[in-house]
């Protein structure tokens, strides 16, 4: 399986259309801009182990990440000790990966391991950030081995917490120091295949970045992660995602394989196992548990009892258990950590069957041993229906743990990339930006000029059409102006007339109202008004006949009818004279009332 290339885009969004793989201007600019402004979304994570080379590229999406491409290649035994042949093989693998990757990029993050890497947990006074680096450099001089020249060491650090001691408040700092020659060698290794390193990190910090995505734990809780490699095992302690302490244990998967690569008795014959044969049996059988001691495991060389395999593994496993126990005890005592009850395991050799159960049974105080779920960060891998390559990726995931840590987010808390390289990349970006500035400026100028020219032509056409429309409408406009002048004069005359005659009642309404409300027994002989009096007053003279009642009562009723009319108010009986010569009661009268208008 280790020589397979897992297909990472199953059950995910279709990768982007491949771009040109040449390292041309636009590729460099796009990648530089992406790295300089947005920290890069598609950088390659490279993890070069002693037995395998792992390369991974992820794509950031809204709800997690997709695997764009990944590859795991084993390094043959015959060239692992040949530095030149190993370097050429790794470079060919990376170049082929970039050529076949759906999303092209020339930027990568690299994890380094091996000799020349030092991790220290320091306690320093609380000072400003400007002076903190210098103080940590002084502390490194005291702690680095005497044979190491501090001037040839690059270091980076991050603050893990604050504390208090007899001297006052202090900062808890994790510092990572690396031999500068090793960094230069790794950078040149990438540049030889036309790759620009975005970041250089160490494996424990890259795994700490992965832990923050995969393990939900409070910031003050210690998370223990065991990275089981081929030649060594690293035990890392984190608070949240911050690396606090690490220790390399010189026991790995290859040591277990070598423990099996010896003559064994298969019942009918004694078999001399080669390294590859022992590796195959180790993968297939794993670590037999106590209840499997009498179980027969079928191999290409016959059946082996579980106790035979356990006997071969026991010295190496006991050494590993002893070193882990010592490391946990040291950490708990030194860092005053309690309740370290959980252990996560990862790395290519962590795939060994029953390894997690073996640790749980043999490590004291542990209540939980679990394989780190690397694929938890990948969208789609836990969904039902995505089954075609689940097994392949789940088997490959422990190998890719470090590469995942490099590709997720910022890739870790530190970046050991030398300042000269960072400055060179910024200079390259600015140079490309300047080269692009003038063509872009010229293009924008031409575009603006084109827009201005088109608008000028459009406005000229609009003005000409408007002028023609104005000429066509001039006769109509002149006629309208004449009508407006005439209306203005009429309005003026109307105003003058109203001012001359004053406000007048609605006379036709007044007379119609009189006609309607005057009863048949009343005959009006004269209706008069005075023009100069305001409000206008009307005087009514007439004769009233009252056959069935007295005359005064009939006059009163007539006055009441006038008062109730909306046209009259203040009705007053001025005079009333009975008609002595009439055969029925009758009288002449004169009434005044004011008009409502």
Protein backbone atom coordinates (compact mmCIF):
# COMPACT_ATOMS: atom_id res chain seq x y z
CA UNK A 1 0.00 0.00 0.00
CA UNK A 2 2.84 2.40 0.76
CA UNK A 3 3.78 2.57 -2.91
CA UNK A 4 0.27 3.42 -4.02
CA UNK A 5 -0.93 6.90 -4.86
CA UNK A 6 -4.24 7.48 -3.03
CA UNK A 7 -6.75 9.44 -5.04
CA UNK A 8 -7.76 12.28 -2.79
CA UNK A 9 -10.69 13.78 -4.70
CA UNK A 10 -13.19 10.94 -4.34
CA UNK A 11 -16.53 12.22 -3.07
CA UNK A 12 -15.39 15.81 -3.34
CA UNK A 13 -15.61 18.78 -5.64
CA UNK A 14 -13.94 18.28 -9.00
CA UNK A 15 -10.44 19.85 -8.92
CA UNK A 16 -9.70 22.93 -10.94
CA UNK A 17 -8.60 22.64 -14.55
CA UNK A 18 -4.82 22.10 -14.75
CA UNK A 19 -2.76 25.15 -15.59
CA UNK A 20 0.57 25.39 -17.35
CA UNK A 21 3.36 23.83 -15.31
CA UNK A 22 6.04 26.24 -16.54
CA UNK A 23 7.45 28.59 -13.97
CA UNK A 24 6.51 31.66 -15.98
CA UNK A 25 5.79 35.20 -14.89
CA UNK A 26 2.11 34.74 -14.16
CA UNK A 27 2.67 31.54 -12.18
CA UNK A 28 5.32 33.19 -10.03
CA UNK A 29 3.25 36.33 -9.54
CA UNK A 30 0.05 34.47 -8.67
CA UNK A 31 1.83 32.20 -6.22
CA UNK A 32 3.81 35.09 -4.74
CA UNK A 33 0.73 37.21 -4.30
CA UNK A 34 -1.12 34.28 -2.77
CA UNK A 35 1.69 33.60 -0.34
CA UNK A 36 2.38 37.24 0.49
CA UNK A 37 -1.25 38.31 0.97
CA UNK A 38 -3.27 35.18 1.78
CA UNK A 39 -0.61 32.77 3.12
CA UNK A 40 -1.31 30.36 0.27
CA UNK A 41 -4.31 28.08 -0.03
CA UNK A 42 -2.78 25.33 -2.18
CA UNK A 43 0.82 24.96 -0.99
CA UNK A 44 2.39 21.50 -1.03
CA UNK A 45 3.28 19.75 2.22
CA UNK A 46 6.46 17.65 1.98
CA UNK A 47 7.55 15.14 4.61
CA UNK A 48 10.80 13.30 3.83
CA UNK A 49 11.16 10.35 6.16
CA UNK A 50 13.93 7.79 6.47
CA UNK A 51 11.93 5.15 4.61
CA UNK A 52 9.14 7.05 2.80
CA UNK A 53 8.58 10.32 0.98
CA UNK A 54 5.11 11.84 1.53
CA UNK A 55 3.73 14.72 -0.54
CA UNK A 56 0.26 16.23 -0.11
CA UNK A 57 -1.79 19.12 -1.46
CA UNK A 58 -5.11 20.22 0.07
CA UNK A 59 -7.73 22.63 -1.21
CA UNK A 60 -9.40 24.98 1.27
CA UNK A 61 -13.19 25.10 1.02
CA UNK A 62 -15.89 26.70 3.17
CA UNK A 63 -16.41 23.72 5.48
CA UNK A 64 -12.98 22.15 5.61
CA UNK A 65 -10.46 20.81 3.13
CA UNK A 66 -10.38 18.54 0.08
CA UNK A 67 -7.47 16.35 -0.90
CA UNK A 68 -6.29 17.69 -4.25
CA UNK A 69 -3.52 15.14 -4.65
CA UNK A 70 -1.21 13.04 -2.51
CA UNK A 71 1.52 10.45 -2.96
CA UNK A 72 3.45 8.10 -0.69
CA UNK A 73 6.57 6.46 -2.05
CA UNK A 74 8.88 4.07 -0.21
CA UNK A 75 12.63 4.57 -0.44
CA UNK A 76 14.34 1.31 -1.43
CA UNK A 77 16.65 -0.19 1.18
CA UNK A 78 19.63 -0.16 -1.13
CA UNK A 79 19.65 3.64 -1.53
CA UNK A 80 18.56 4.80 1.95
CA UNK A 81 22.19 5.25 2.94
CA UNK A 82 23.23 6.68 -0.45
CA UNK A 83 22.64 10.42 -0.01
CA UNK A 84 22.98 11.35 -3.72
CA UNK A 85 20.78 8.55 -5.02
CA UNK A 86 18.18 9.23 -2.30
CA UNK A 87 18.16 12.94 -3.11
CA UNK A 88 17.67 12.31 -6.84
CA UNK A 89 14.84 9.84 -6.19
CA UNK A 90 13.00 12.27 -3.89
CA UNK A 91 13.41 15.15 -6.34
CA UNK A 92 12.04 13.03 -9.18
CA UNK A 93 9.03 12.05 -7.06
CA UNK A 94 8.26 15.69 -6.17
CA UNK A 95 8.67 16.91 -9.77
CA UNK A 96 6.35 14.19 -11.03
CA UNK A 97 3.82 15.08 -8.30
CA UNK A 98 3.81 18.75 -9.34
CA UNK A 99 3.53 17.85 -13.02
CA UNK A 100 0.49 15.63 -12.41
CA UNK A 101 -1.21 17.72 -9.70
CA UNK A 102 -4.56 19.27 -10.77
CA UNK A 103 -3.78 22.60 -9.07
CA UNK A 104 -0.37 23.92 -10.03
CA UNK A 105 1.85 25.67 -7.51
CA UNK A 106 5.56 26.05 -6.92
CA UNK A 107 5.35 26.84 -3.23
CA UNK A 108 5.81 24.23 -0.54
CA UNK A 109 6.11 23.74 3.21
CA UNK A 110 8.76 21.30 4.36
CA UNK A 111 9.12 19.39 7.64
CA UNK A 112 12.63 18.52 8.75
CA UNK A 113 13.82 15.99 11.29
CA UNK A 114 16.96 14.30 12.48
CA UNK A 115 20.11 15.66 14.06
CA UNK A 116 20.69 19.35 14.65
CA UNK A 117 17.16 20.08 15.91
CA UNK A 118 16.73 21.32 19.47
CA UNK A 119 13.49 22.05 21.32
CA UNK A 120 13.60 23.95 24.61
CA UNK A 121 10.92 25.05 27.03
CA UNK A 122 12.05 28.37 28.55
CA UNK A 123 10.81 30.62 31.30
CA UNK A 124 11.71 34.27 30.70
CA UNK A 125 10.68 37.56 32.34
CA UNK A 126 7.79 39.50 30.84
CA UNK A 127 9.32 42.01 28.40
CA UNK A 128 8.27 43.65 25.15
CA UNK A 129 8.32 41.65 21.93
CA UNK A 130 11.19 43.69 20.50
CA UNK A 131 13.60 42.54 23.20
CA UNK A 132 12.15 39.05 23.69
CA UNK A 133 14.04 37.51 20.77
CA UNK A 134 17.37 38.78 22.03
CA UNK A 135 16.69 37.44 25.53
CA UNK A 136 15.75 34.02 24.14
CA UNK A 137 18.99 34.03 22.11
CA UNK A 138 20.93 34.53 25.35
CA UNK A 139 19.05 31.66 26.98
CA UNK A 140 19.87 29.43 24.01
CA UNK A 141 23.59 30.07 24.48
CA UNK A 142 23.33 28.61 27.98
CA UNK A 143 21.40 25.52 26.89
CA UNK A 144 22.87 24.57 23.53
CA UNK A 145 25.58 21.87 23.49
CA UNK A 146 29.04 23.38 23.75
CA UNK A 147 30.10 21.99 20.36
CA UNK A 148 27.31 23.93 18.61
CA UNK A 149 28.13 27.45 17.45
CA UNK A 150 25.15 29.64 18.34
CA UNK A 151 25.98 31.92 15.39
CA UNK A 152 25.24 29.07 13.00
CA UNK A 153 21.82 28.34 14.51
CA UNK A 154 18.43 29.62 13.37
CA UNK A 155 15.62 29.63 15.88
CA UNK A 156 11.98 30.55 16.25
CA UNK A 157 9.70 30.56 19.26
CA UNK A 158 6.16 31.03 20.49
CA UNK A 159 4.62 31.83 23.86
CA UNK A 160 2.70 28.96 25.45
CA UNK A 161 1.50 30.68 28.62
CA UNK A 162 2.19 32.99 31.55
CA UNK A 163 3.31 32.11 35.03
CA UNK A 164 4.47 33.51 38.34
CA UNK A 165 7.55 32.69 40.38
CA UNK A 166 9.64 34.25 43.13
CA UNK A 167 11.09 36.77 40.68
CA UNK A 168 7.67 37.91 39.45
CA UNK A 169 5.57 37.25 36.32
CA UNK A 170 7.18 35.28 33.52
CA UNK A 171 6.46 33.92 30.06
CA UNK A 172 6.50 30.23 29.16
CA UNK A 173 8.16 29.96 25.77
CA UNK A 174 8.82 27.02 23.45
CA UNK A 175 11.91 27.62 21.34
CA UNK A 176 13.00 25.54 18.34
CA UNK A 177 16.60 25.85 17.18
CA UNK A 178 18.05 24.26 14.01
CA UNK A 179 21.49 24.12 12.50
CA UNK A 180 21.56 26.74 9.76
CA UNK A 181 23.59 24.50 7.46
CA UNK A 182 20.76 21.92 7.56
CA UNK A 183 18.26 24.65 6.65
CA UNK A 184 20.38 25.88 3.76
CA UNK A 185 20.74 22.31 2.51
CA UNK A 186 16.97 21.76 2.58
CA UNK A 187 16.25 25.08 0.84
CA UNK A 188 18.76 24.32 -1.89
CA UNK A 189 17.23 20.88 -2.24
CA UNK A 190 13.86 22.49 -3.07
CA UNK A 191 15.29 25.25 -5.24
CA UNK A 192 17.08 22.66 -7.35
CA UNK A 193 13.66 21.47 -8.51
CA UNK A 194 12.32 25.01 -8.92
CA UNK A 195 10.27 25.09 -5.68
CA UNK A 196 10.14 28.08 -3.37
CA UNK A 197 9.84 27.13 0.31
CA UNK A 198 7.03 29.03 2.04
CA UNK A 199 7.92 27.61 5.45
CA UNK A 200 10.31 25.15 7.03
CA UNK A 201 9.00 23.51 10.16
CA UNK A 202 9.84 20.62 12.44
CA UNK A 203 7.63 17.54 12.63
CA UNK A 204 6.36 18.02 16.24
CA UNK A 205 5.06 21.54 15.52
CA UNK A 206 3.43 20.44 12.24
CA UNK A 207 1.72 17.61 14.14
CA UNK A 208 0.62 20.12 16.78
CA UNK A 209 -1.11 22.08 14.02
CA UNK A 210 -2.87 18.85 12.98
CA UNK A 211 -3.87 18.05 16.59
CA UNK A 212 -5.68 21.39 16.86
CA UNK A 213 -7.91 20.31 13.94
CA UNK A 214 -8.46 16.70 15.02
CA UNK A 215 -8.66 16.74 18.83
CA UNK A 216 -11.14 18.77 20.82
CA UNK A 217 -9.44 19.59 24.11
CA UNK A 218 -9.37 22.62 26.43
CA UNK A 219 -6.40 24.93 26.12
CA UNK A 220 -5.03 23.92 29.53
CA UNK A 221 -5.27 20.17 28.90
CA UNK A 222 -2.17 18.21 27.94
CA UNK A 223 -2.50 16.27 24.69
CA UNK A 224 0.05 13.48 24.22
CA UNK A 225 0.89 12.38 20.66
CA UNK A 226 3.20 9.49 19.73
CA UNK A 227 4.63 9.68 16.21
CA UNK A 228 5.85 6.19 15.40
CA UNK A 229 8.24 6.31 12.49
CA UNK A 230 10.50 3.83 10.79
CA UNK A 231 13.74 4.56 12.68
CA UNK A 232 12.56 6.47 15.72
CA UNK A 233 9.49 7.44 17.70
CA UNK A 234 8.74 10.96 18.90
CA UNK A 235 6.63 11.61 21.97
CA UNK A 236 5.13 15.11 21.86
CA UNK A 237 3.23 17.01 24.55
CA UNK A 238 0.87 19.85 23.62
CA UNK A 239 -1.30 22.34 25.40
CA UNK A 240 -3.99 23.11 22.87
CA UNK A 241 -1.93 23.28 19.67
CA UNK A 242 1.22 24.60 21.35
CA UNK A 243 4.18 22.24 21.53
CA UNK A 244 5.51 22.22 25.11
CA UNK A 245 7.91 19.27 25.17
CA UNK A 246 9.15 16.51 22.87
CA UNK A 247 11.54 13.61 23.06
CA UNK A 248 12.94 11.34 20.38
CA UNK A 249 13.01 7.65 21.27
CA UNK A 250 15.40 5.64 19.04
CA UNK A 251 12.89 2.85 18.47
CA UNK A 252 10.74 2.56 15.37
CA UNK A 253 8.96 0.24 13.02
CA UNK A 254 12.18 -0.92 11.33
CA UNK A 255 13.52 -2.09 14.70
CA UNK A 256 10.53 -4.39 15.05
CA UNK A 257 11.11 -5.66 11.53
CA UNK A 258 14.78 -6.36 12.25
CA UNK A 259 13.74 -8.19 15.41
CA UNK A 260 11.81 -10.61 13.19
CA UNK A 261 14.47 -10.87 10.48
CA UNK A 262 16.11 -13.93 12.05
CA UNK A 263 15.79 -17.71 11.80
CA UNK A 264 12.38 -18.92 12.97
CA UNK A 265 10.95 -22.39 13.43
CA UNK A 266 7.76 -22.85 11.42
CA UNK A 267 7.24 -26.41 12.72
CA UNK A 268 8.63 -28.44 9.85
CA UNK A 269 11.70 -26.34 9.08
CA UNK A 270 13.79 -23.37 10.16
CA UNK A 271 13.36 -20.34 7.93
CA UNK A 272 15.79 -17.44 7.55
CA UNK A 273 13.61 -14.33 7.07
CA UNK A 274 14.85 -11.36 5.07
CA UNK A 275 13.99 -7.79 6.01
CA UNK A 276 11.23 -7.61 3.38
CA UNK A 277 9.79 -10.95 4.46
CA UNK A 278 9.78 -9.86 8.10
CA UNK A 279 8.11 -6.58 7.14
CA UNK A 280 5.36 -8.42 5.33
CA UNK A 281 4.70 -10.74 8.29
CA UNK A 282 4.73 -7.79 10.68
CA UNK A 283 2.09 -5.95 8.65
CA UNK A 284 -0.14 -8.97 8.31
CA UNK A 285 0.09 -10.31 11.88
CA UNK A 286 0.70 -7.20 14.00
CA UNK A 287 1.30 -7.60 17.73
CA UNK A 288 -0.44 -10.70 19.09
CA UNK A 289 -2.34 -9.97 22.29
CA UNK A 290 -2.19 -12.15 25.38
CA UNK A 291 -5.26 -14.12 24.44
CA UNK A 292 -3.78 -14.76 20.97
CA UNK A 293 -0.61 -16.43 22.21
CA UNK A 294 -1.72 -19.89 21.01
CA UNK A 295 -3.40 -18.55 17.88
CA UNK A 296 -1.82 -19.63 14.61
CA UNK A 297 -1.08 -16.85 12.13
CA UNK A 298 -0.82 -18.03 8.53
CA UNK A 299 2.16 -16.69 6.58
CA UNK A 300 3.91 -17.52 3.33
CA UNK A 301 6.31 -19.66 5.38
CA UNK A 302 3.76 -21.62 7.33
CA UNK A 303 1.81 -21.05 10.51
CA UNK A 304 3.39 -19.03 13.34
CA UNK A 305 2.09 -19.01 16.88
CA UNK A 306 1.24 -15.71 18.46
CA UNK A 307 3.74 -16.32 21.25
CA UNK A 308 6.55 -16.80 18.69
CA UNK A 309 5.86 -13.39 17.20
CA UNK A 310 5.45 -11.80 20.66
CA UNK A 311 8.77 -13.27 21.79
CA UNK A 312 10.57 -11.67 18.84
CA UNK A 313 8.87 -8.29 19.42
CA UNK A 314 9.13 -8.27 23.22
CA UNK A 315 12.65 -6.75 23.76
CA UNK A 316 11.99 -3.91 21.35
CA UNK A 317 8.49 -3.23 22.66
CA UNK A 318 9.62 -3.35 26.29
CA UNK A 319 12.31 -0.81 25.52
CA UNK A 320 9.74 1.42 23.84
CA UNK A 321 7.33 1.14 26.81
CA UNK A 322 10.13 1.92 29.25
CA UNK A 323 11.20 5.05 27.34
CA UNK A 324 7.61 6.31 27.03
CA UNK A 325 6.98 5.76 30.75
CA UNK A 326 10.18 7.62 31.69
CA UNK A 327 9.29 10.50 29.37
CA UNK A 328 5.75 10.85 30.72
CA UNK A 329 7.01 10.79 34.32
CA UNK A 330 9.63 13.44 33.53
CA UNK A 331 7.08 15.68 31.85
CA UNK A 332 4.55 15.32 34.66
CA UNK A 333 7.17 16.18 37.28
CA UNK A 334 8.89 19.00 35.38
CA UNK A 335 5.80 20.74 34.08
CA UNK A 336 3.56 19.88 37.05
CA UNK A 337 1.04 18.22 34.76
CA UNK A 338 -1.61 15.93 36.19
CA UNK A 339 -4.21 13.62 34.70
CA UNK A 340 -2.27 12.70 31.57
CA UNK A 341 -4.64 9.92 30.64
CA UNK A 342 -4.95 10.08 26.85
CA UNK A 343 -2.49 9.12 24.15
CA UNK A 344 -2.92 9.56 20.41
CA UNK A 345 -0.70 7.68 17.98
CA UNK A 346 0.16 8.41 14.37
CA UNK A 347 2.97 7.86 11.87
CA UNK A 348 3.46 5.12 9.32
CA UNK A 349 4.41 2.45 11.89
CA UNK A 350 1.35 3.26 14.03
CA UNK A 351 -0.62 1.17 11.54
CA UNK A 352 0.78 -1.95 13.21
CA UNK A 353 -2.15 -4.09 14.24
CA UNK A 354 -3.02 -3.96 18.00
CA UNK A 355 -0.36 -1.32 18.72
CA UNK A 356 -2.95 0.94 20.39
CA UNK A 357 -4.23 -1.92 22.57
CA UNK A 358 -0.68 -2.89 23.48
CA UNK A 359 0.03 0.64 24.73
CA UNK A 360 -3.25 0.75 26.66
CA UNK A 361 -2.46 -2.52 28.44
CA UNK A 362 1.18 -1.71 29.24
CA UNK A 363 1.31 2.03 29.96
CA UNK A 364 0.19 2.98 33.45
CA UNK A 365 -2.32 5.77 34.13
CA UNK A 366 -3.55 5.76 30.54
CA UNK A 367 -7.30 5.43 30.14
CA UNK A 368 -7.46 6.03 26.41
CA UNK A 369 -5.17 5.20 23.51
CA UNK A 370 -6.51 6.17 20.11
CA UNK A 371 -5.20 6.50 16.59
CA UNK A 372 -5.25 10.14 15.48
CA UNK A 373 -8.12 10.62 13.03
CA UNK A 374 -6.24 12.57 10.38
CA UNK A 375 -9.13 12.45 7.90
CA UNK A 376 -11.40 14.32 10.31
CA UNK A 377 -10.35 17.54 8.58
CA UNK A 378 -11.37 16.26 5.13
CA UNK A 379 -14.88 16.95 3.91
CA UNK A 380 -16.73 13.89 2.68
CA UNK A 381 -14.62 11.13 4.20
CA UNK A 382 -17.00 10.41 7.08
CA UNK A 383 -20.10 10.62 4.92
CA UNK A 384 -21.99 7.46 3.95
CA UNK A 385 -21.64 6.42 0.35
CA UNK A 386 -18.03 7.49 -0.05
CA UNK A 387 -16.63 3.97 0.26
CA UNK A 388 -14.58 3.26 -2.83
CA UNK A 389 -11.27 4.50 -1.48
CA UNK A 390 -11.96 4.80 2.23
CA UNK A 391 -9.80 1.81 3.08
CA UNK A 392 -6.87 3.03 0.98
CA UNK A 393 -6.94 6.53 2.44
CA UNK A 394 -7.42 5.33 6.02
CA UNK A 395 -4.33 3.15 5.59
CA UNK A 396 -2.38 6.04 4.06
CA UNK A 397 -3.52 8.72 6.50
CA UNK A 398 -1.02 7.92 9.33
CA UNK A 399 1.84 8.22 6.83
CA UNK A 400 0.49 11.62 5.73
CA UNK A 401 -0.05 13.05 9.23
CA UNK A 402 2.92 15.45 9.05
CA UNK A 403 2.03 16.52 5.50
CA UNK A 404 -1.53 17.21 6.67
CA UNK A 405 -0.18 19.36 9.50
CA UNK A 406 1.91 21.35 7.02
CA UNK A 407 -1.01 21.96 4.64
CA UNK A 408 -3.68 22.88 7.20
CA UNK A 409 -3.99 26.57 8.05
CA UNK A 410 -0.62 28.24 8.56
CA UNK A 411 1.23 24.92 8.86
CA UNK A 412 2.38 25.43 12.43
CA UNK A 413 3.37 27.97 15.03
CA UNK A 414 6.93 28.48 13.79
CA UNK A 415 8.72 29.13 10.53
CA UNK A 416 12.45 28.45 10.41
CA UNK A 417 12.82 29.94 6.95
CA UNK A 418 15.88 32.25 7.12
CA UNK A 419 15.26 35.97 7.00
CA UNK A 420 17.32 36.23 3.82
CA UNK A 421 14.96 33.82 2.07
CA UNK A 422 11.88 35.66 3.37
CA UNK A 423 13.37 38.95 2.17
CA UNK A 424 14.23 37.42 -1.19
CA UNK A 425 10.66 36.20 -1.67
CA UNK A 426 9.25 39.61 -0.74
CA UNK A 427 11.74 41.25 -3.10
CA UNK A 428 10.70 38.86 -5.86
CA UNK A 429 7.08 39.69 -5.25
CA UNK A 430 7.70 43.44 -5.28
CA UNK A 431 9.81 43.13 -8.42
CA UNK A 432 7.08 41.21 -10.16
CA UNK A 433 4.56 43.74 -8.89
CA UNK A 434 6.59 46.61 -10.35
CA UNK A 435 6.98 44.76 -13.64
CA UNK A 436 3.24 44.32 -13.72
CA UNK A 437 2.44 47.87 -12.53
CA UNK A 438 3.36 49.73 -15.73
CA UNK A 439 1.54 47.41 -18.18
CA UNK A 440 -1.51 47.40 -15.93
CA UNK A 441 -1.37 51.20 -15.60
CA UNK A 442 -1.10 51.56 -19.39
CA UNK A 443 -3.97 49.12 -19.87
CA UNK A 444 -6.14 51.01 -17.39
CA UNK A 445 -5.27 54.30 -19.11
CA UNK A 446 -6.24 52.90 -22.51
CA UNK A 447 -9.47 51.47 -21.11
CA UNK A 448 -10.37 54.81 -19.48
CA UNK A 449 -9.50 56.65 -22.69
CA UNK A 450 -11.69 54.25 -24.67
CA UNK A 451 -14.59 54.77 -22.28
CA UNK A 452 -14.14 58.55 -22.48
CA UNK A 453 -14.04 58.48 -26.29
CA UNK A 454 -17.16 56.32 -26.51
CA UNK A 455 -19.00 58.57 -24.05
CA UNK A 456 -17.93 61.64 -26.03
CA UNK A 457 -19.33 60.16 -29.26
CA UNK A 458 -22.52 59.11 -27.51
CA UNK A 459 -23.06 62.54 -25.93
CA UNK A 460 -22.44 64.33 -29.25
CA UNK A 461 -25.04 62.16 -30.93
CA UNK A 462 -27.45 62.83 -28.09
CA UNK A 463 -26.89 66.61 -28.28
CA UNK A 464 -27.45 66.64 -32.05
CA UNK A 465 -30.67 64.62 -31.74
CA UNK A 466 -31.86 66.94 -28.97
CA UNK A 467 -31.20 70.05 -31.07
CA UNK A 468 -33.14 68.59 -34.01
CA UNK A 469 -36.05 67.80 -31.70
CA UNK A 470 -35.97 71.37 -30.35
CA UNK A 471 -36.14 72.80 -33.89
CA UNK A 472 -39.05 70.53 -34.73
CA UNK A 473 -40.98 71.61 -31.63
CA UNK A 474 -40.37 75.37 -31.97
CA UNK A 475 -43.80 76.20 -33.65
CA UNK A 476 -45.65 74.22 -31.02
CA UNK A 477 -43.62 75.87 -28.27
CA UNK A 478 -44.46 79.33 -29.69
CA UNK A 479 -48.18 78.48 -29.74
CA UNK A 480 -48.02 77.18 -26.16
CA UNK A 481 -46.24 80.35 -25.09
CA UNK A 482 -49.08 82.43 -26.67
CA UNK A 483 -51.67 80.41 -24.78
CA UNK A 484 -49.74 80.85 -21.55
CA UNK A 485 -49.52 84.62 -22.10
CA UNK A 486 -53.26 84.80 -22.78
CA UNK A 487 -54.02 82.78 -19.66
CA UNK A 488 -51.78 85.05 -17.63
CA UNK A 489 -53.65 88.12 -18.84
CA UNK A 490 -57.04 86.55 -18.12
CA UNK A 491 -55.92 85.63 -14.62
CA UNK A 492 -54.74 89.18 -14.03
CA UNK A 493 -58.06 90.63 -15.21
CA UNK A 494 -59.97 88.17 -13.04
CA UNK A 495 -57.95 89.24 -10.02
CA UNK A 496 -58.56 92.92 -10.76
CA UNK A 497 -62.31 92.31 -11.18
CA UNK A 498 -62.52 90.42 -7.92
CA UNK A 499 -60.68 93.20 -6.14
CA UNK A 500 -63.01 95.80 -7.71
CA UNK A 501 -66.32 94.17 -6.84
CA UNK A 502 -65.22 92.46 -3.71
CA UNK A 503 -66.40 89.12 -2.57
CA UNK A 504 -70.00 88.44 -3.63
CA UNK A 505 -72.61 85.99 -2.40
CA UNK A 506 -73.88 83.26 -4.61
CA UNK A 507 -76.95 85.29 -5.64
CA UNK A 508 -78.69 82.66 -7.72
CA UNK A 509 -78.40 80.30 -4.75
CA UNK A 510 -79.76 82.94 -2.37
CA UNK A 511 -82.87 83.60 -4.49
CA UNK A 512 -83.43 79.92 -5.10
CA UNK A 513 -83.26 79.29 -1.34
CA UNK A 514 -85.78 82.12 -0.73
CA UNK A 515 -88.10 80.61 -3.30
CA UNK A 516 -87.88 77.21 -1.63
CA UNK A 517 -88.36 78.24 1.99
CA UNK A 518 -90.98 81.01 1.60
CA UNK A 519 -94.42 79.50 2.38
CA UNK A 520 -97.55 80.11 0.21
CA UNK A 521 -99.13 82.46 2.75
CA UNK A 522 -96.18 84.88 2.39
CA UNK A 523 -95.86 87.17 -0.61
CA UNK A 524 -92.60 89.10 -0.96
CA UNK A 525 -93.03 92.49 -2.53
CA UNK A 526 -89.41 93.69 -2.44
CA UNK A 527 -85.98 92.18 -1.88
CA UNK A 528 -83.16 94.73 -1.53
CA UNK A 529 -79.52 94.95 -0.39
CA UNK A 530 -76.91 97.63 0.19
CA UNK A 531 -73.78 97.27 -2.01
CA UNK A 532 -71.31 99.03 0.33
CA UNK A 533 -72.27 97.18 3.48
CA UNK A 534 -70.21 94.19 4.62
CA UNK A 535 -71.14 91.54 5.36
CA UNK A 536 -73.98 92.03 2.92
CA UNK A 537 -77.48 92.30 4.36
CA UNK A 538 -80.74 91.54 2.60
CA UNK A 539 -84.06 93.30 3.36
CA UNK A 540 -87.32 91.49 2.76
CA UNK A 541 -90.70 93.29 2.47
CA UNK A 542 -94.01 91.51 1.96
CA UNK A 543 -97.44 90.52 3.17
CA UNK A 544 -98.38 87.51 5.27
CA UNK A 545 -101.83 85.91 5.61
CA UNK A 546 -102.73 83.75 8.57
CA UNK A 547 -106.13 82.09 8.18
CA UNK A 548 -105.88 79.58 11.01
CA UNK A 549 -103.58 81.28 13.55
CA UNK A 550 -102.55 84.73 14.66
CA UNK A 551 -100.27 86.76 12.38
CA UNK A 552 -97.43 87.22 14.89
CA UNK A 553 -97.10 83.45 15.29
CA UNK A 554 -96.92 82.99 11.52
CA UNK A 555 -94.21 85.67 11.27
CA UNK A 556 -92.22 83.94 14.02
CA UNK A 557 -92.41 80.66 12.15
CA UNK A 558 -91.15 82.37 8.98
CA UNK A 559 -88.22 83.89 10.89
CA UNK A 560 -87.30 80.47 12.23
CA UNK A 561 -87.30 79.03 8.70
CA UNK A 562 -84.91 81.81 7.59
CA UNK A 563 -82.60 81.20 10.59
CA UNK A 564 -82.35 77.50 9.79
CA UNK A 565 -81.25 78.19 6.20
CA UNK A 566 -77.48 78.02 5.57
CA UNK A 567 -77.71 81.23 3.53
CA UNK A 568 -79.03 83.55 6.26
CA UNK A 569 -78.21 84.52 9.81
CA UNK A 570 -79.16 87.22 12.34
CA UNK A 571 -82.81 87.36 11.12
CA UNK A 572 -84.51 90.44 12.62
CA UNK A 573 -88.20 91.54 12.29
CA UNK A 574 -87.90 95.31 11.66
CA UNK A 575 -91.61 96.19 11.28
CA UNK A 576 -95.02 94.51 11.30
CA UNK A 577 -98.38 96.29 10.62
CA UNK A 578 -101.77 94.42 10.67
CA UNK A 579 -104.11 94.91 7.67
CA UNK A 580 -107.32 96.34 9.19
CA UNK A 581 -109.31 96.07 6.00
CA UNK A 582 -108.62 92.38 5.26
CA UNK A 583 -111.42 89.87 5.80
CA UNK A 584 -108.87 87.36 7.25
CA UNK A 585 -105.90 88.07 9.57
CA UNK A 586 -103.08 89.59 7.51
CA UNK A 587 -100.17 91.98 7.98
CA UNK A 588 -97.31 93.67 6.13
CA UNK A 589 -93.76 93.11 7.43
CA UNK A 590 -90.11 94.03 6.89
CA UNK A 591 -87.31 91.61 7.85
CA UNK A 592 -83.50 92.06 7.65
CA UNK A 593 -80.95 89.22 7.72
CA UNK A 594 -77.25 88.87 6.97
CA UNK A 595 -76.02 86.64 4.17
CA UNK A 596 -73.64 83.72 4.65
CA UNK A 597 -70.94 83.59 1.92
